[in-house]
Amino acid sequence: MTKLKLAMLEAETVGELAAIIIDYTHEEMMLVFDELEWEQQARIKDIWKSI
């Protein structure tokens, strides 16, 4: 899960986040997302909102 966490934290665009979805299940992504600090979660949410 460390690889997934790093990929999520390094993502800067919706396309990069979407590419991660191909390699991991929704459940895996949510488990890692829940472990992130709230600031990290907010950053990822902001990226998704840019669609």
PDB file of N, CA and C in Angstrom:
ATOM      1  N   MET A   1       0.808  -1.202   0.000  1.00  0.00           N
ATOM      2  CA  MET A   1       0.000   0.000   0.000  1.00  0.00           C
ATOM      3  C   MET A   1       0.851   1.266   0.000  1.00  0.00           C
ATOM      4  N   THR A   2       2.122   1.143   0.332  1.00  0.00           N
ATOM      5  CA  THR A   2       3.002   2.304   0.324  1.00  0.00           C
ATOM      6  C   THR A   2       3.112   2.888  -1.082  1.00  0.00           C
ATOM      7  N   LYS A   3       3.192   2.019  -2.079  1.00  0.00           N
ATOM      8  CA  LYS A   3       3.287   2.480  -3.467  1.00  0.00           C
ATOM      9  C   LYS A   3       2.040   3.274  -3.854  1.00  0.00           C
ATOM     10  N   LEU A   4       0.876   2.782  -3.448  1.00  0.00           N
ATOM     11  CA  LEU A   4      -0.382   3.480  -3.731  1.00  0.00           C
ATOM     12  C   LEU A   4      -0.416   4.821  -3.022  1.00  0.00           C
ATOM     13  N   LYS A   5      -0.021   4.849  -1.762  1.00  0.00           N
ATOM     14  CA  LYS A   5      -0.022   6.100  -1.001  1.00  0.00           C
ATOM     15  C   LYS A   5       0.873   7.135  -1.678  1.00  0.00           C
ATOM     16  N   LEU A   6       2.060   6.730  -2.078  1.00  0.00           N
ATOM     17  CA  LEU A   6       2.968   7.650  -2.751  1.00  0.00           C
ATOM     18  C   LEU A   6       2.376   8.154  -4.061  1.00  0.00           C
ATOM     19  N   ALA A   7       1.758   7.258  -4.819  1.00  0.00           N
ATOM     20  CA  ALA A   7       1.155   7.660  -6.092  1.00  0.00           C
ATOM     21  C   ALA A   7       0.042   8.677  -5.867  1.00  0.00           C
ATOM     22  N   MET A   8      -0.772   8.453  -4.833  1.00  0.00           N
ATOM     23  CA  MET A   8      -1.857   9.389  -4.538  1.00  0.00           C
ATOM     24  C   MET A   8      -1.308  10.752  -4.121  1.00  0.00           C
ATOM     25  N   LEU A   9      -0.264  10.748  -3.319  1.00  0.00           N
ATOM     26  CA  LEU A   9       0.293  12.006  -2.832  1.00  0.00           C
ATOM     27  C   LEU A   9       1.046  12.760  -3.919  1.00  0.00           C
ATOM     28  N   GLU A  10       1.601  12.047  -4.883  1.00  0.00           N
ATOM     29  CA  GLU A  10       2.338  12.696  -5.963  1.00  0.00           C
ATOM     30  C   GLU A  10       1.434  13.172  -7.102  1.00  0.00           C
ATOM     31  N   ALA A  11       0.215  12.686  -7.163  1.00  0.00           N
ATOM     32  CA  ALA A  11      -0.698  13.074  -8.234  1.00  0.00           C
ATOM     33  C   ALA A  11      -0.998  14.567  -8.165  1.00  0.00           C
ATOM     34  N   GLU A  12      -1.007  15.189  -9.345  1.00  0.00           N
ATOM     35  CA  GLU A  12      -1.299  16.620  -9.424  1.00  0.00           C
ATOM     36  C   GLU A  12      -2.481  16.926 -10.326  1.00  0.00           C
ATOM     37  N   THR A  13      -2.954  15.921 -11.056  1.00  0.00           N
ATOM     38  CA  THR A  13      -4.077  16.146 -11.967  1.00  0.00           C
ATOM     39  C   THR A  13      -5.104  15.032 -11.821  1.00  0.00           C
ATOM     40  N   VAL A  14      -6.283  15.292 -12.336  1.00  0.00           N
ATOM     41  CA  VAL A  14      -7.336  14.276 -12.337  1.00  0.00           C
ATOM     42  C   VAL A  14      -6.883  13.066 -13.148  1.00  0.00           C
ATOM     43  N   GLY A  15      -6.206  13.315 -14.259  1.00  0.00           N
ATOM     44  CA  GLY A  15      -5.723  12.216 -15.089  1.00  0.00           C
ATOM     45  C   GLY A  15      -4.779  11.302 -14.343  1.00  0.00           C
ATOM     46  N   GLU A  16      -3.908  11.874 -13.540  1.00  0.00           N
ATOM     47  CA  GLU A  16      -2.980  11.067 -12.750  1.00  0.00           C
ATOM     48  C   GLU A  16      -3.729  10.255 -11.700  1.00  0.00           C
ATOM     49  N   LEU A  17      -4.723  10.861 -11.062  1.00  0.00           N
ATOM     50  CA  LEU A  17      -5.524  10.105 -10.093  1.00  0.00           C
ATOM     51  C   LEU A  17      -6.318   9.002 -10.785  1.00  0.00           C
ATOM     52  N   ALA A  18      -6.881   9.311 -11.935  1.00  0.00           N
ATOM     53  CA  ALA A  18      -7.653   8.310 -12.674  1.00  0.00           C
ATOM     54  C   ALA A  18      -6.775   7.136 -13.089  1.00  0.00           C
ATOM     55  N   ALA A  19      -5.526   7.402 -13.452  1.00  0.00           N
ATOM     56  CA  ALA A  19      -4.618   6.327 -13.839  1.00  0.00           C
ATOM     57  C   ALA A  19      -4.364   5.370 -12.678  1.00  0.00           C
ATOM     58  N   ILE A  20      -4.364   5.896 -11.473  1.00  0.00           N
ATOM     59  CA  ILE A  20      -4.160   5.056 -10.294  1.00  0.00           C
ATOM     60  C   ILE A  20      -5.322   4.082 -10.128  1.00  0.00           C
ATOM     61  N   ILE A  21      -6.525   4.532 -10.449  1.00  0.00           N
ATOM     62  CA  ILE A  21      -7.718   3.701 -10.295  1.00  0.00           C
ATOM     63  C   ILE A  21      -7.611   2.417 -11.110  1.00  0.00           C
ATOM     64  N   ILE A  22      -6.940   2.490 -12.239  1.00  0.00           N
ATOM     65  CA  ILE A  22      -6.792   1.319 -13.099  1.00  0.00           C
ATOM     66  C   ILE A  22      -6.001   0.219 -12.399  1.00  0.00           C
ATOM     67  N   ASP A  23      -5.025   0.609 -11.586  1.00  0.00           N
ATOM     68  CA  ASP A  23      -4.128  -0.355 -10.953  1.00  0.00           C
ATOM     69  C   ASP A  23      -4.582  -0.838  -9.578  1.00  0.00           C
ATOM     70  N   TYR A  24      -5.530  -0.157  -8.980  1.00  0.00           N
ATOM     71  CA  TYR A  24      -5.955  -0.499  -7.620  1.00  0.00           C
ATOM     72  C   TYR A  24      -7.478  -0.541  -7.533  1.00  0.00           C
ATOM     73  N   THR A  25      -7.980  -1.293  -6.569  1.00  0.00           N
ATOM     74  CA  THR A  25      -9.421  -1.356  -6.367  1.00  0.00           C
ATOM     75  C   THR A  25      -9.880  -0.126  -5.586  1.00  0.00           C
ATOM     76  N   HIS A  26     -11.168   0.127  -5.653  1.00  0.00           N
ATOM     77  CA  HIS A  26     -11.761   1.236  -4.895  1.00  0.00           C
ATOM     78  C   HIS A  26     -11.493   1.039  -3.409  1.00  0.00           C
ATOM     79  N   GLU A  27     -11.645  -0.180  -2.948  1.00  0.00           N
ATOM     80  CA  GLU A  27     -11.429  -0.470  -1.528  1.00  0.00           C
ATOM     81  C   GLU A  27      -9.991  -0.154  -1.106  1.00  0.00           C
ATOM     82  N   GLU A  28      -9.010  -0.545  -1.925  1.00  0.00           N
ATOM     83  CA  GLU A  28      -7.616  -0.250  -1.612  1.00  0.00           C
ATOM     84  C   GLU A  28      -7.385   1.255  -1.549  1.00  0.00           C
ATOM     85  N   MET A  29      -7.950   1.967  -2.502  1.00  0.00           N
ATOM     86  CA  MET A  29      -7.767   3.415  -2.528  1.00  0.00           C
ATOM     87  C   MET A  29      -8.402   4.078  -1.313  1.00  0.00           C
ATOM     88  N   MET A  30      -9.582   3.621  -0.920  1.00  0.00           N
ATOM     89  CA  MET A  30     -10.250   4.221   0.231  1.00  0.00           C
ATOM     90  C   MET A  30      -9.514   3.915   1.528  1.00  0.00           C
ATOM     91  N   LEU A  31      -8.947   2.713   1.646  1.00  0.00           N
ATOM     92  CA  LEU A  31      -8.175   2.378   2.844  1.00  0.00           C
ATOM     93  C   LEU A  31      -6.975   3.301   2.990  1.00  0.00           C
ATOM     94  N   VAL A  32      -6.276   3.510   1.896  1.00  0.00           N
ATOM     95  CA  VAL A  32      -5.115   4.404   1.929  1.00  0.00           C
ATOM     96  C   VAL A  32      -5.552   5.846   2.156  1.00  0.00           C
ATOM     97  N   PHE A  33      -6.602   6.289   1.461  1.00  0.00           N
ATOM     98  CA  PHE A  33      -7.102   7.655   1.614  1.00  0.00           C
ATOM     99  C   PHE A  33      -7.452   7.932   3.069  1.00  0.00           C
ATOM    100  N   ASP A  34      -8.096   6.976   3.725  1.00  0.00           N
ATOM    101  CA  ASP A  34      -8.491   7.156   5.122  1.00  0.00           C
ATOM    102  C   ASP A  34      -7.295   7.288   6.056  1.00  0.00           C
ATOM    103  N   GLU A  35      -6.137   6.779   5.657  1.00  0.00           N
ATOM    104  CA  GLU A  35      -4.929   6.859   6.473  1.00  0.00           C
ATOM    105  C   GLU A  35      -4.182   8.184   6.291  1.00  0.00           C
ATOM    106  N   LEU A  36      -4.539   8.956   5.270  1.00  0.00           N
ATOM    107  CA  LEU A  36      -3.853  10.218   5.007  1.00  0.00           C
ATOM    108  C   LEU A  36      -4.236  11.283   6.022  1.00  0.00           C
ATOM    109  N   GLU A  37      -3.337  12.241   6.202  1.00  0.00           N
ATOM    110  CA  GLU A  37      -3.637  13.400   7.038  1.00  0.00           C
ATOM    111  C   GLU A  37      -4.766  14.186   6.381  1.00  0.00           C
ATOM    112  N   TRP A  38      -5.513  14.958   7.140  1.00  0.00           N
ATOM    113  CA  TRP A  38      -6.665  15.671   6.571  1.00  0.00           C
ATOM    114  C   TRP A  38      -6.238  16.652   5.493  1.00  0.00           C
ATOM    115  N   GLU A  39      -5.037  17.250   5.647  1.00  0.00           N
ATOM    116  CA  GLU A  39      -4.546  18.180   4.630  1.00  0.00           C
ATOM    117  C   GLU A  39      -4.296  17.457   3.302  1.00  0.00           C
ATOM    118  N   GLN A  40      -3.758  16.233   3.398  1.00  0.00           N
ATOM    119  CA  GLN A  40      -3.502  15.431   2.209  1.00  0.00           C
ATOM    120  C   GLN A  40      -4.820  15.034   1.550  1.00  0.00           C
ATOM    121  N   GLN A  41      -5.792  14.658   2.368  1.00  0.00           N
ATOM    122  CA  GLN A  41      -7.112  14.308   1.840  1.00  0.00           C
ATOM    123  C   GLN A  41      -7.736  15.502   1.136  1.00  0.00           C
ATOM    124  N   ALA A  42      -7.622  16.670   1.739  1.00  0.00           N
ATOM    125  CA  ALA A  42      -8.206  17.880   1.154  1.00  0.00           C
ATOM    126  C   ALA A  42      -7.568  18.191  -0.192  1.00  0.00           C
ATOM    127  N   ARG A  43      -6.254  18.009  -0.309  1.00  0.00           N
ATOM    128  CA  ARG A  43      -5.556  18.257  -1.570  1.00  0.00           C
ATOM    129  C   ARG A  43      -6.056  17.327  -2.663  1.00  0.00           C
ATOM    130  N   ILE A  44      -6.229  16.058  -2.329  1.00  0.00           N
ATOM    131  CA  ILE A  44      -6.727  15.094  -3.312  1.00  0.00           C
ATOM    132  C   ILE A  44      -8.165  15.429  -3.692  1.00  0.00           C
ATOM    133  N   LYS A  45      -8.985  15.801  -2.727  1.00  0.00           N
ATOM    134  CA  LYS A  45     -10.371  16.192  -3.030  1.00  0.00           C
ATOM    135  C   LYS A  45     -10.404  17.400  -3.964  1.00  0.00           C
ATOM    136  N   ASP A  46      -9.509  18.365  -3.739  1.00  0.00           N
ATOM    137  CA  ASP A  46      -9.453  19.537  -4.605  1.00  0.00           C
ATOM    138  C   ASP A  46      -9.087  19.161  -6.040  1.00  0.00           C
ATOM    139  N   ILE A  47      -8.190  18.203  -6.189  1.00  0.00           N
ATOM    140  CA  ILE A  47      -7.827  17.744  -7.534  1.00  0.00           C
ATOM    141  C   ILE A  47      -9.052  17.142  -8.221  1.00  0.00           C
ATOM    142  N   TRP A  48      -9.795  16.298  -7.502  1.00  0.00           N
ATOM    143  CA  TRP A  48     -10.990  15.672  -8.104  1.00  0.00           C
ATOM    144  C   TRP A  48     -12.033  16.707  -8.477  1.00  0.00           C
ATOM    145  N   LYS A  49     -12.146  17.768  -7.677  1.00  0.00           N
ATOM    146  CA  LYS A  49     -13.131  18.812  -7.946  1.00  0.00           C
ATOM    147  C   LYS A  49     -12.822  19.603  -9.215  1.00  0.00           C
ATOM    148  N   SER A  50     -11.587  19.500  -9.687  1.00  0.00           N
ATOM    149  CA  SER A  50     -11.190  20.283 -10.870  1.00  0.00           C
ATOM    150  C   SER A  50     -11.711  19.715 -12.183  1.00  0.00           C
ATOM    151  N   ILE A  51     -12.467  18.650 -12.109  1.00  0.00           N
ATOM    152  CA  ILE A  51     -13.015  18.039 -13.342  1.00  0.00           C
ATOM    153  C   ILE A  51     -13.962  19.011 -14.013  1.00  0.00           C
TER     154      ILE A  51
END
